[in-house]
């Protein structure tokens, strides 16, 4: 898997739905279009929620992985 570089990070470890996506939404507003956010979460529902969030709001999910019940996402902010 390609090693991506993020412009910003969001650690949502230990938080449960809907908190990770609420924090993600807030954090994405702070980024410029084209910047990449790395998200780390422990809630399995983020595997469903974050891809839907990206599709709905026009962001690009660059990479999604899971290791030892920790979920990592790299998201490029779309034009908004």
Protein backbone atom coordinates (compact mmCIF):
# COMPACT_ATOMS: atom_id res chain seq x y z
CA UNK A 1 0.00 0.00 0.00
CA UNK A 2 1.28 3.43 -0.95
CA UNK A 3 2.39 5.67 1.91
CA UNK A 4 0.35 8.87 1.76
CA UNK A 5 1.27 12.19 3.33
CA UNK A 6 -1.39 14.19 5.14
CA UNK A 7 -1.65 17.95 5.58
CA UNK A 8 -3.60 17.48 8.82
CA UNK A 9 -4.65 14.72 11.22
CA UNK A 10 -7.78 13.86 13.17
CA UNK A 11 -7.62 11.31 15.98
CA UNK A 12 -11.14 10.08 16.70
CA UNK A 13 -9.97 7.05 18.69
CA UNK A 14 -12.34 6.04 21.46
CA UNK A 15 -15.27 8.00 20.02
CA UNK A 16 -18.48 6.44 18.75
CA UNK A 17 -21.03 7.33 16.09
CA UNK A 18 -21.86 10.11 15.36
CA UNK A 19 -18.87 11.85 16.96
CA UNK A 20 -16.12 10.78 14.50
CA UNK A 21 -18.08 12.06 11.49
CA UNK A 22 -19.08 15.26 13.29
CA UNK A 23 -15.43 15.97 14.08
CA UNK A 24 -14.45 15.04 10.53
CA UNK A 25 -16.98 17.48 9.11
CA UNK A 26 -15.66 20.27 11.30
CA UNK A 27 -12.02 19.49 10.51
CA UNK A 28 -12.62 19.37 6.74
CA UNK A 29 -14.00 22.92 6.86
CA UNK A 30 -10.61 24.11 8.12
CA UNK A 31 -8.72 22.67 5.13
CA UNK A 32 -8.23 24.15 1.69
CA UNK A 33 -9.44 22.28 -1.40
CA UNK A 34 -6.96 19.56 -2.35
CA UNK A 35 -5.45 19.16 1.10
CA UNK A 36 -5.34 15.68 2.63
CA UNK A 37 -6.64 14.73 6.08
CA UNK A 38 -5.58 11.56 7.89
CA UNK A 39 -8.27 10.18 10.19
CA UNK A 40 -7.67 7.50 12.83
CA UNK A 41 -10.72 5.92 14.48
CA UNK A 42 -11.66 2.87 16.52
CA UNK A 43 -15.39 2.81 15.82
CA UNK A 44 -16.16 0.10 13.20
CA UNK A 45 -19.12 2.13 11.91
CA UNK A 46 -16.63 4.60 10.40
CA UNK A 47 -16.01 1.97 7.69
CA UNK A 48 -19.51 2.74 6.43
CA UNK A 49 -19.93 6.35 7.55
CA UNK A 50 -16.71 7.93 6.26
CA UNK A 51 -17.01 6.66 2.65
CA UNK A 52 -20.65 7.88 2.59
CA UNK A 53 -19.57 11.22 4.05
CA UNK A 54 -16.96 11.61 1.29
CA UNK A 55 -19.39 10.69 -1.49
CA UNK A 56 -22.12 12.97 -0.18
CA UNK A 57 -19.86 16.02 0.26
CA UNK A 58 -17.60 15.54 -2.77
CA UNK A 59 -14.37 14.59 -0.99
CA UNK A 60 -12.04 11.86 -2.30
CA UNK A 61 -11.34 8.85 -0.09
CA UNK A 62 -7.76 8.11 -1.13
CA UNK A 63 -7.08 5.19 1.18
CA UNK A 64 -8.88 3.17 3.84
CA UNK A 65 -7.25 0.52 6.01
CA UNK A 66 -7.82 -1.45 9.21
CA UNK A 67 -5.29 -2.94 11.56
CA UNK A 68 -5.93 -4.30 15.06
CA UNK A 69 -9.39 -2.69 15.21
CA UNK A 70 -7.98 0.72 14.33
CA UNK A 71 -9.25 2.31 11.14
CA UNK A 72 -7.22 4.79 9.11
CA UNK A 73 -8.49 7.00 6.30
CA UNK A 74 -6.82 9.49 3.97
CA UNK A 75 -9.30 11.99 2.53
CA UNK A 76 -8.62 14.72 -0.04
CA UNK A 77 -10.88 17.71 0.37
CA UNK A 78 -12.98 18.43 -2.67
CA UNK A 79 -13.99 21.82 -4.04
CA UNK A 80 -16.41 23.33 -1.56
